[in-house]
Structure formats: structure tokens, C-alpha cells
PDB file of N, CA and C in Angstrom:
ATOM      1  N   MET A   1       0.818  -1.192   0.000  1.00  0.00           N
ATOM      2  CA  MET A   1       0.000   0.000   0.000  1.00  0.00           C
ATOM      3  C   MET A   1       0.860   1.253   0.000  1.00  0.00           C
ATOM      4  N   LEU A   2       1.938   1.255   0.753  1.00  0.00           N
ATOM      5  CA  LEU A   2       2.796   2.423   0.824  1.00  0.00           C
ATOM      6  C   LEU A   2       3.409   2.736  -0.532  1.00  0.00           C
ATOM      7  N   GLN A   3       3.874   1.723  -1.243  1.00  0.00           N
ATOM      8  CA  GLN A   3       4.479   1.978  -2.540  1.00  0.00           C
ATOM      9  C   GLN A   3       3.464   2.550  -3.517  1.00  0.00           C
ATOM     10  N   ARG A   4       2.238   2.088  -3.451  1.00  0.00           N
ATOM     11  CA  ARG A   4       1.206   2.623  -4.334  1.00  0.00           C
ATOM     12  C   ARG A   4       0.982   4.096  -4.027  1.00  0.00           C
ATOM     13  N   ASN A   5       0.938   4.453  -2.763  1.00  0.00           N
ATOM     14  CA  ASN A   5       0.720   5.839  -2.381  1.00  0.00           C
ATOM     15  C   ASN A   5       1.861   6.734  -2.819  1.00  0.00           C
ATOM     16  N   MET A   6       3.073   6.218  -2.740  1.00  0.00           N
ATOM     17  CA  MET A   6       4.222   7.037  -3.076  1.00  0.00           C
ATOM     18  C   MET A   6       4.287   7.336  -4.572  1.00  0.00           C
ATOM     19  N   ALA A   7       3.549   6.604  -5.366  1.00  0.00           N
ATOM     20  CA  ALA A   7       3.596   6.780  -6.808  1.00  0.00           C
ATOM     21  C   ALA A   7       2.497   7.710  -7.321  1.00  0.00           C
ATOM     22  N   ILE A   8       1.699   8.314  -6.439  1.00  0.00           N
ATOM     23  CA  ILE A   8       0.623   9.153  -6.945  1.00  0.00           C
ATOM     24  C   ILE A   8       1.199  10.432  -7.550  1.00  0.00           C
ATOM     25  N   PRO A   9       0.546  10.955  -8.564  1.00  0.00           N
ATOM     26  CA  PRO A   9       1.047  12.142  -9.254  1.00  0.00           C
ATOM     27  C   PRO A   9       1.121  13.364  -8.336  1.00  0.00           C
ATOM     28  N   LEU A  10       1.987  14.278  -8.728  1.00  0.00           N
ATOM     29  CA  LEU A  10       2.171  15.516  -7.972  1.00  0.00           C
ATOM     30  C   LEU A  10       0.856  16.272  -7.824  1.00  0.00           C
ATOM     31  N   SER A  11       0.007  16.257  -8.846  1.00  0.00           N
ATOM     32  CA  SER A  11      -1.270  16.982  -8.771  1.00  0.00           C
ATOM     33  C   SER A  11      -2.148  16.437  -7.649  1.00  0.00           C
ATOM     34  N   LEU A  12      -2.100  15.120  -7.429  1.00  0.00           N
ATOM     35  CA  LEU A  12      -2.878  14.535  -6.333  1.00  0.00           C
ATOM     36  C   LEU A  12      -2.257  14.859  -4.983  1.00  0.00           C
ATOM     37  N   GLN A  13      -0.944  14.911  -4.922  1.00  0.00           N
ATOM     38  CA  GLN A  13      -0.284  15.306  -3.677  1.00  0.00           C
ATOM     39  C   GLN A  13      -0.645  16.746  -3.313  1.00  0.00           C
ATOM     40  N   LEU A  14      -0.611  17.620  -4.303  1.00  0.00           N
ATOM     41  CA  LEU A  14      -0.966  19.018  -4.062  1.00  0.00           C
ATOM     42  C   LEU A  14      -2.446  19.147  -3.724  1.00  0.00           C
ATOM     43  N   GLY A  15      -3.273  18.316  -4.351  1.00  0.00           N
ATOM     44  CA  GLY A  15      -4.695  18.310  -4.027  1.00  0.00           C
ATOM     45  C   GLY A  15      -4.934  17.923  -2.580  1.00  0.00           C
ATOM     46  N   LEU A  16      -4.170  16.971  -2.081  1.00  0.00           N
ATOM     47  CA  LEU A  16      -4.273  16.571  -0.681  1.00  0.00           C
ATOM     48  C   LEU A  16      -3.841  17.713   0.231  1.00  0.00           C
ATOM     49  N   ASP A  17      -2.775  18.405  -0.135  1.00  0.00           N
ATOM     50  CA  ASP A  17      -2.343  19.567   0.643  1.00  0.00           C
ATOM     51  C   ASP A  17      -3.464  20.599   0.738  1.00  0.00           C
ATOM     52  N   ASP A  18      -4.115  20.864  -0.394  1.00  0.00           N
ATOM     53  CA  ASP A  18      -5.209  21.842  -0.422  1.00  0.00           C
ATOM     54  C   ASP A  18      -6.397  21.379   0.418  1.00  0.00           C
ATOM     55  N   LEU A  19      -6.739  20.102   0.308  1.00  0.00           N
ATOM     56  CA  LEU A  19      -7.847  19.554   1.099  1.00  0.00           C
ATOM     57  C   LEU A  19      -7.586  19.717   2.594  1.00  0.00           C
ATOM     58  N   LEU A  20      -6.394  19.358   3.010  1.00  0.00           N
ATOM     59  CA  LEU A  20      -6.053  19.458   4.419  1.00  0.00           C
ATOM     60  C   LEU A  20      -6.086  20.903   4.896  1.00  0.00           C
ATOM     61  N   ALA A  21      -5.575  21.806   4.091  1.00  0.00           N
ATOM     62  CA  ALA A  21      -5.596  23.222   4.475  1.00  0.00           C
ATOM     63  C   ALA A  21      -7.030  23.718   4.600  1.00  0.00           C
ATOM     64  N   ASP A  22      -7.881  23.341   3.666  1.00  0.00           N
ATOM     65  CA  ASP A  22      -9.280  23.758   3.693  1.00  0.00           C
ATOM     66  C   ASP A  22      -9.999  23.197   4.921  1.00  0.00           C
ATOM     67  N   MET A  23      -9.761  21.925   5.191  1.00  0.00           N
ATOM     68  CA  MET A  23     -10.422  21.296   6.334  1.00  0.00           C
ATOM     69  C   MET A  23      -9.919  21.868   7.663  1.00  0.00           C
ATOM     70  N   ARG A  24      -8.624  22.092   7.761  1.00  0.00           N
ATOM     71  CA  ARG A  24      -8.078  22.663   8.998  1.00  0.00           C
ATOM     72  C   ARG A  24      -8.645  24.060   9.252  1.00  0.00           C
ATOM     73  N   HIS A  25      -8.735  24.843   8.193  1.00  0.00           N
ATOM     74  CA  HIS A  25      -9.275  26.197   8.329  1.00  0.00           C
ATOM     75  C   HIS A  25     -10.743  26.158   8.771  1.00  0.00           C
ATOM     76  N   ALA A  26     -11.528  25.330   8.116  1.00  0.00           N
ATOM     77  CA  ALA A  26     -12.946  25.212   8.476  1.00  0.00           C
ATOM     78  C   ALA A  26     -13.100  24.666   9.892  1.00  0.00           C
ATOM     79  N   ARG A  27     -12.228  23.760  10.283  1.00  0.00           N
ATOM     80  CA  ARG A  27     -12.293  23.183  11.636  1.00  0.00           C
ATOM     81  C   ARG A  27     -11.990  24.248  12.687  1.00  0.00           C
ATOM     82  N   ARG A  28     -10.965  25.053  12.440  1.00  0.00           N
ATOM     83  CA  ARG A  28     -10.619  26.131  13.378  1.00  0.00           C
ATOM     84  C   ARG A  28     -11.749  27.142  13.525  1.00  0.00           C
ATOM     85  N   ARG A  29     -12.420  27.435  12.419  1.00  0.00           N
ATOM     86  CA  ARG A  29     -13.511  28.409  12.431  1.00  0.00           C
ATOM     87  C   ARG A  29     -14.830  27.812  12.913  1.00  0.00           C
ATOM     88  N   GLY A  30     -14.899  26.496  13.009  1.00  0.00           N
ATOM     89  CA  GLY A  30     -16.142  25.848  13.414  1.00  0.00           C
ATOM     90  C   GLY A  30     -17.200  25.886  12.334  1.00  0.00           C
ATOM     91  N   ASP A  31     -16.773  25.937  11.088  1.00  0.00           N
ATOM     92  CA  ASP A  31     -17.677  26.017   9.942  1.00  0.00           C
ATOM     93  C   ASP A  31     -18.146  24.611   9.565  1.00  0.00           C
ATOM     94  N   LEU A  32     -19.228  24.177  10.200  1.00  0.00           N
ATOM     95  CA  LEU A  32     -19.716  22.809   9.987  1.00  0.00           C
ATOM     96  C   LEU A  32     -20.151  22.559   8.554  1.00  0.00           C
ATOM     97  N   GLY A  33     -20.754  23.549   7.921  1.00  0.00           N
ATOM     98  CA  GLY A  33     -21.192  23.384   6.541  1.00  0.00           C
ATOM     99  C   GLY A  33     -20.025  23.146   5.605  1.00  0.00           C
ATOM    100  N   ARG A  34     -18.982  23.928   5.772  1.00  0.00           N
ATOM    101  CA  ARG A  34     -17.793  23.765   4.927  1.00  0.00           C
ATOM    102  C   ARG A  34     -17.115  22.428   5.205  1.00  0.00           C
ATOM    103  N   LEU A  35     -17.053  22.050   6.474  1.00  0.00           N
ATOM    104  CA  LEU A  35     -16.473  20.746   6.821  1.00  0.00           C
ATOM    105  C   LEU A  35     -17.249  19.603   6.182  1.00  0.00           C
ATOM    106  N   ALA A  36     -18.567  19.692   6.248  1.00  0.00           N
ATOM    107  CA  ALA A  36     -19.402  18.633   5.669  1.00  0.00           C
ATOM    108  C   ALA A  36     -19.208  18.560   4.159  1.00  0.00           C
ATOM    109  N   LEU A  37     -19.230  19.702   3.491  1.00  0.00           N
ATOM    110  CA  LEU A  37     -19.052  19.729   2.037  1.00  0.00           C
ATOM    111  C   LEU A  37     -17.685  19.175   1.648  1.00  0.00           C
ATOM    112  N   THR A  38     -16.665  19.626   2.326  1.00  0.00           N
ATOM    113  CA  THR A  38     -15.311  19.178   1.994  1.00  0.00           C
ATOM    114  C   THR A  38     -15.126  17.699   2.286  1.00  0.00           C
ATOM    115  N   ALA A  39     -15.591  17.262   3.459  1.00  0.00           N
ATOM    116  CA  ALA A  39     -15.415  15.861   3.843  1.00  0.00           C
ATOM    117  C   ALA A  39     -16.175  14.922   2.919  1.00  0.00           C
ATOM    118  N   TYR A  40     -17.377  15.298   2.531  1.00  0.00           N
ATOM    119  CA  TYR A  40     -18.183  14.401   1.713  1.00  0.00           C
ATOM    120  C   TYR A  40     -17.808  14.473   0.235  1.00  0.00           C
ATOM    121  N   CYS A  41     -17.738  15.657  -0.303  1.00  0.00           N
ATOM    122  CA  CYS A  41     -17.518  15.783  -1.753  1.00  0.00           C
ATOM    123  C   CYS A  41     -16.040  15.774  -2.141  1.00  0.00           C
ATOM    124  N   ASP A  42     -15.286  16.693  -1.565  1.00  0.00           N
ATOM    125  CA  ASP A  42     -13.909  16.878  -2.012  1.00  0.00           C
ATOM    126  C   ASP A  42     -12.989  15.733  -1.577  1.00  0.00           C
ATOM    127  N   VAL A  43     -13.091  15.313  -0.335  1.00  0.00           N
ATOM    128  CA  VAL A  43     -12.237  14.221   0.138  1.00  0.00           C
ATOM    129  C   VAL A  43     -12.568  12.936  -0.612  1.00  0.00           C
ATOM    130  N   ARG A  44     -13.839  12.655  -0.771  1.00  0.00           N
ATOM    131  CA  ARG A  44     -14.237  11.433  -1.461  1.00  0.00           C
ATOM    132  C   ARG A  44     -13.754  11.430  -2.908  1.00  0.00           C
ATOM    133  N   ARG A  45     -13.918  12.549  -3.595  1.00  0.00           N
ATOM    134  CA  ARG A  45     -13.448  12.643  -4.987  1.00  0.00           C
ATOM    135  C   ARG A  45     -11.927  12.473  -5.058  1.00  0.00           C
ATOM    136  N   TRP A  46     -11.202  13.156  -4.163  1.00  0.00           N
ATOM    137  CA  TRP A  46      -9.749  13.039  -4.165  1.00  0.00           C
ATOM    138  C   TRP A  46      -9.335  11.590  -3.890  1.00  0.00           C
ATOM    139  N   ALA A  47      -9.951  10.978  -2.897  1.00  0.00           N
ATOM    140  CA  ALA A  47      -9.581   9.612  -2.521  1.00  0.00           C
ATOM    141  C   ALA A  47      -9.815   8.630  -3.666  1.00  0.00           C
ATOM    142  N   ARG A  48     -10.895   8.802  -4.373  1.00  0.00           N
ATOM    143  CA  ARG A  48     -11.156   7.920  -5.519  1.00  0.00           C
ATOM    144  C   ARG A  48     -10.119   8.109  -6.612  1.00  0.00           C
ATOM    145  N   GLN A  49      -9.755   9.352  -6.885  1.00  0.00           N
ATOM    146  CA  GLN A  49      -8.744   9.621  -7.909  1.00  0.00           C
ATOM    147  C   GLN A  49      -7.384   9.068  -7.502  1.00  0.00           C
ATOM    148  N   ALA A  50      -7.086   9.111  -6.204  1.00  0.00           N
ATOM    149  CA  ALA A  50      -5.792   8.646  -5.708  1.00  0.00           C
ATOM    150  C   ALA A  50      -5.773   7.144  -5.451  1.00  0.00           C
ATOM    151  N   GLY A  51      -6.922   6.485  -5.611  1.00  0.00           N
ATOM    152  CA  GLY A  51      -6.978   5.052  -5.360  1.00  0.00           C
ATOM    153  C   GLY A  51      -7.003   4.707  -3.884  1.00  0.00           C
ATOM    154  N   GLU A  52      -7.417   5.653  -3.056  1.00  0.00           N
ATOM    155  CA  GLU A  52      -7.488   5.447  -1.603  1.00  0.00           C
ATOM    156  C   GLU A  52      -8.928   5.093  -1.223  1.00  0.00           C
ATOM    157  N   SER A  53      -9.307   3.861  -1.503  1.00  0.00           N
ATOM    158  CA  SER A  53     -10.694   3.457  -1.300  1.00  0.00           C
ATOM    159  C   SER A  53     -11.110   3.474   0.168  1.00  0.00           C
ATOM    160  N   ASP A  54     -10.189   3.215   1.080  1.00  0.00           N
ATOM    161  CA  ASP A  54     -10.539   3.256   2.505  1.00  0.00           C
ATOM    162  C   ASP A  54     -10.934   4.666   2.934  1.00  0.00           C
ATOM    163  N   ILE A  55     -10.203   5.648   2.481  1.00  0.00           N
ATOM    164  CA  ILE A  55     -10.524   7.046   2.800  1.00  0.00           C
ATOM    165  C   ILE A  55     -11.858   7.423   2.168  1.00  0.00           C
ATOM    166  N   ALA A  56     -12.083   7.013   0.934  1.00  0.00           N
ATOM    167  CA  ALA A  56     -13.347   7.317   0.259  1.00  0.00           C
ATOM    168  C   ALA A  56     -14.522   6.708   1.015  1.00  0.00           C
ATOM    169  N   ARG A  57     -14.374   5.463   1.457  1.00  0.00           N
ATOM    170  CA  ARG A  57     -15.442   4.812   2.235  1.00  0.00           C
ATOM    171  C   ARG A  57     -15.665   5.508   3.570  1.00  0.00           C
ATOM    172  N   GLN A  58     -14.574   5.886   4.221  1.00  0.00           N
ATOM    173  CA  GLN A  58     -14.686   6.581   5.506  1.00  0.00           C
ATOM    174  C   GLN A  58     -15.439   7.903   5.338  1.00  0.00           C
ATOM    175  N   SER A  59     -15.119   8.625   4.296  1.00  0.00           N
ATOM    176  CA  SER A  59     -15.779   9.895   4.021  1.00  0.00           C
ATOM    177  C   SER A  59     -17.264   9.699   3.769  1.00  0.00           C
ATOM    178  N   MET A  60     -17.602   8.717   2.968  1.00  0.00           N
ATOM    179  CA  MET A  60     -19.002   8.466   2.652  1.00  0.00           C
ATOM    180  C   MET A  60     -19.769   7.978   3.883  1.00  0.00           C
ATOM    181  N   ALA A  61     -19.147   7.119   4.664  1.00  0.00           N
ATOM    182  CA  ALA A  61     -19.818   6.560   5.841  1.00  0.00           C
ATOM    183  C   ALA A  61     -20.171   7.634   6.864  1.00  0.00           C
ATOM    184  N   MET A  62     -19.392   8.711   6.889  1.00  0.00           N
ATOM    185  CA  MET A  62     -19.689   9.797   7.829  1.00  0.00           C
ATOM    186  C   MET A  62     -21.088  10.357   7.618  1.00  0.00           C
ATOM    187  N   PHE A  63     -21.599  10.219   6.402  1.00  0.00           N
ATOM    188  CA  PHE A  63     -22.875  10.846   6.052  1.00  0.00           C
ATOM    189  C   PHE A  63     -23.971   9.863   5.706  1.00  0.00           C
ATOM    190  N   THR A  64     -23.603   8.631   5.401  1.00  0.00           N
ATOM    191  CA  THR A  64     -24.627   7.670   4.985  1.00  0.00           C
ATOM    192  C   THR A  64     -25.010   6.685   6.077  1.00  0.00           C
ATOM    193  N   GLU A  65     -24.174   6.585   7.107  1.00  0.00           N
ATOM    194  CA  GLU A  65     -24.515   5.710   8.219  1.00  0.00           C
ATOM    195  C   GLU A  65     -25.384   6.482   9.207  1.00  0.00           C
ATOM    196  N   LYS A  66     -25.510   5.982  10.404  1.00  0.00           N
ATOM    197  CA  LYS A  66     -26.403   6.591  11.386  1.00  0.00           C
ATOM    198  C   LYS A  66     -26.081   8.074  11.613  1.00  0.00           C
ATOM    199  N   PRO A  67     -27.095   8.884  11.884  1.00  0.00           N
ATOM    200  CA  PRO A  67     -26.869  10.322  12.112  1.00  0.00           C
ATOM    201  C   PRO A  67     -25.989  10.551  13.344  1.00  0.00           C
ATOM    202  N   HIS A  68     -25.303  11.655  13.328  1.00  0.00           N
ATOM    203  CA  HIS A  68     -24.460  12.021  14.466  1.00  0.00           C
ATOM    204  C   HIS A  68     -25.351  12.506  15.604  1.00  0.00           C
ATOM    205  N   ALA A  69     -25.046  12.060  16.792  1.00  0.00           N
ATOM    206  CA  ALA A  69     -25.860  12.404  17.963  1.00  0.00           C
ATOM    207  C   ALA A  69     -25.681  13.864  18.375  1.00  0.00           C
ATOM    208  N   SER A  70     -24.565  14.437  18.011  1.00  0.00           N
ATOM    209  CA  SER A  70     -24.292  15.816  18.420  1.00  0.00           C
ATOM    210  C   SER A  70     -23.255  16.440  17.502  1.00  0.00           C
ATOM    211  N   ARG A  71     -23.094  17.712  17.689  1.00  0.00           N
ATOM    212  CA  ARG A  71     -22.064  18.443  16.951  1.00  0.00           C
ATOM    213  C   ARG A  71     -20.691  17.850  17.271  1.00  0.00           C
ATOM    214  N   GLU A  72     -20.464  17.544  18.539  1.00  0.00           N
ATOM    215  CA  GLU A  72     -19.180  16.984  18.961  1.00  0.00           C
ATOM    216  C   GLU A  72     -18.914  15.634  18.309  1.00  0.00           C
ATOM    217  N   ALA A  73     -19.952  14.834  18.159  1.00  0.00           N
ATOM    218  CA  ALA A  73     -19.795  13.528  17.510  1.00  0.00           C
ATOM    219  C   ALA A  73     -19.376  13.715  16.048  1.00  0.00           C
ATOM    220  N   PHE A  74     -19.981  14.684  15.373  1.00  0.00           N
ATOM    221  CA  PHE A  74     -19.591  14.979  13.991  1.00  0.00           C
ATOM    222  C   PHE A  74     -18.144  15.454  13.937  1.00  0.00           C
ATOM    223  N   LEU A  75     -17.783  16.359  14.838  1.00  0.00           N
ATOM    224  CA  LEU A  75     -16.415  16.876  14.841  1.00  0.00           C
ATOM    225  C   LEU A  75     -15.396  15.790  15.179  1.00  0.00           C
ATOM    226  N   ASP A  76     -15.782  14.831  15.997  1.00  0.00           N
ATOM    227  CA  ASP A  76     -14.889  13.701  16.280  1.00  0.00           C
ATOM    228  C   ASP A  76     -14.605  12.917  15.001  1.00  0.00           C
ATOM    229  N   LYS A  77     -15.633  12.716  14.188  1.00  0.00           N
ATOM    230  CA  LYS A  77     -15.450  12.000  12.907  1.00  0.00           C
ATOM    231  C   LYS A  77     -14.584  12.823  11.954  1.00  0.00           C
ATOM    232  N   VAL A  78     -14.799  14.138  11.942  1.00  0.00           N
ATOM    233  CA  VAL A  78     -13.976  15.018  11.113  1.00  0.00           C
ATOM    234  C   VAL A  78     -12.519  14.933  11.558  1.00  0.00           C
ATOM    235  N   ASP A  79     -12.299  14.972  12.858  1.00  0.00           N
ATOM    236  CA  ASP A  79     -10.932  14.893  13.379  1.00  0.00           C
ATOM    237  C   ASP A  79     -10.263  13.574  13.007  1.00  0.00           C
ATOM    238  N   LEU A  80     -11.012  12.488  13.046  1.00  0.00           N
ATOM    239  CA  LEU A  80     -10.466  11.192  12.647  1.00  0.00           C
ATOM    240  C   LEU A  80     -10.102  11.188  11.158  1.00  0.00           C
ATOM    241  N   LEU A  81     -10.979  11.754  10.336  1.00  0.00           N
ATOM    242  CA  LEU A  81     -10.694  11.843   8.905  1.00  0.00           C
ATOM    243  C   LEU A  81      -9.454  12.708   8.664  1.00  0.00           C
ATOM    244  N   LEU A  82      -9.362  13.834   9.359  1.00  0.00           N
ATOM    245  CA  LEU A  82      -8.178  14.689   9.244  1.00  0.00           C
ATOM    246  C   LEU A  82      -6.916  13.929   9.644  1.00  0.00           C
ATOM    247  N   HIS A  83      -6.997  13.213  10.730  1.00  0.00           N
ATOM    248  CA  HIS A  83      -5.842  12.438  11.195  1.00  0.00           C
ATOM    249  C   HIS A  83      -5.418  11.418  10.137  1.00  0.00           C
ATOM    250  N   ASP A  84      -6.374  10.724   9.559  1.00  0.00           N
ATOM    251  CA  ASP A  84      -6.051   9.723   8.546  1.00  0.00           C
ATOM    252  C   ASP A  84      -5.461  10.347   7.288  1.00  0.00           C
ATOM    253  N   LEU A  85      -5.971  11.508   6.899  1.00  0.00           N
ATOM    254  CA  LEU A  85      -5.424  12.210   5.738  1.00  0.00           C
ATOM    255  C   LEU A  85      -4.011  12.717   6.024  1.00  0.00           C
ATOM    256  N   GLU A  86      -3.791  13.209   7.231  1.00  0.00           N
ATOM    257  CA  GLU A  86      -2.454  13.680   7.611  1.00  0.00           C
ATOM    258  C   GLU A  86      -1.465  12.518   7.639  1.00  0.00           C
ATOM    259  N   ALA A  87      -1.897  11.365   8.119  1.00  0.00           N
ATOM    260  CA  ALA A  87      -1.027  10.184   8.132  1.00  0.00           C
ATOM    261  C   ALA A  87      -0.664   9.779   6.702  1.00  0.00           C
ATOM    262  N   LEU A  88      -1.644   9.833   5.818  1.00  0.00           N
ATOM    263  CA  LEU A  88      -1.393   9.526   4.417  1.00  0.00           C
ATOM    264  C   LEU A  88      -0.408  10.534   3.826  1.00  0.00           C
ATOM    265  N   GLN A  89      -0.621  11.804   4.121  1.00  0.00           N
ATOM    266  CA  GLN A  89       0.260  12.851   3.609  1.00  0.00           C
ATOM    267  C   GLN A  89       1.700  12.646   4.089  1.00  0.00           C
ATOM    268  N   SER A  90       1.873  12.230   5.326  1.00  0.00           N
ATOM    269  CA  SER A  90       3.217  12.052   5.861  1.00  0.00           C
ATOM    270  C   SER A  90       3.960  10.903   5.179  1.00  0.00           C
ATOM    271  N   ARG A  91       3.246   9.974   4.574  1.00  0.00           N
ATOM    272  CA  ARG A  91       3.879   8.860   3.869  1.00  0.00           C
ATOM    273  C   ARG A  91       4.258   9.215   2.436  1.00  0.00           C
ATOM    274  N   LEU A  92       3.771  10.333   1.936  1.00  0.00           N
ATOM    275  CA  LEU A  92       4.062  10.733   0.566  1.00  0.00           C
ATOM    276  C   LEU A  92       5.373  11.498   0.513  1.00  0.00           C
ATOM    277  N   PRO A  93       6.052  11.454  -0.626  1.00  0.00           N
ATOM    278  CA  PRO A  93       7.270  12.252  -0.755  1.00  0.00           C
ATOM    279  C   PRO A  93       6.934  13.732  -0.659  1.00  0.00           C
ATOM    280  N   ALA A  94       7.881  14.513  -0.195  1.00  0.00           N
ATOM    281  CA  ALA A  94       7.666  15.957  -0.033  1.00  0.00           C
ATOM    282  C   ALA A  94       7.335  16.593  -1.381  1.00  0.00           C
ATOM    283  N   THR A  95       6.382  17.516  -1.367  1.00  0.00           N
ATOM    284  CA  THR A  95       5.972  18.171  -2.606  1.00  0.00           C
ATOM    285  C   THR A  95       6.681  19.500  -2.793  1.00  0.00           C
ATOM    286  N   ARG A  96       7.365  19.957  -1.769  1.00  0.00           N
ATOM    287  CA  ARG A  96       8.079  21.232  -1.856  1.00  0.00           C
ATOM    288  C   ARG A  96       9.526  21.010  -1.400  1.00  0.00           C
ATOM    289  N   GLY A  97      10.414  21.821  -1.943  1.00  0.00           N
ATOM    290  CA  GLY A  97      11.825  21.666  -1.627  1.00  0.00           C
ATOM    291  C   GLY A  97      12.271  22.261  -0.365  1.00  0.00           C
TER     292      GLY A  97
END
């Protein structure tokens, strides 16, 4: 799995950087709408393009499985998704010199 991830194109690596920046910003601001849109649409699309089916499933499950009991429960799922994306990013070669 690691070797497959390391071979993804630079455009996908940069796309992941942008996704993480967008999600971190929305998380800091508490913008639930932006977090939901990014987590469901943008992360899922990126994950499918990058061949990261586990991330794509995780993103979709956040919205298609049982409803979140509270705002905190939703944010916990967002934080887990962020953590998983950051872990993936750390395994990729550096995109900047």
C-alpha cells in the first residue's frame, strides 16, 4: 500500500495539501457546513482519484450511516478523517523543496 501511495502524481499530492488546508481552516472556524461539504464531496473525490478506497469509504460513511448524535460527535469523525489524511500525507514524498 505504501508503494502505491508514493507513486501518486504531484497533482494529487498538491490536491491533498489543499484539502487538508481547507479542512483545517474550516475546523478552526467551526464552519460545519464547509467541513461537511469538503469531507463528503472533495475528500471522497480526491480519494477515488488517488486510489485510496478506505478514505473514500470513511468519508461516505460519515454521512450515509447513522446520524451524528451531536455536533461533537460529527467533529470527532472530522478529526479522525483529518488524522487519517495527515497520516497519508506524511507517507508521501515531499511536494516542496
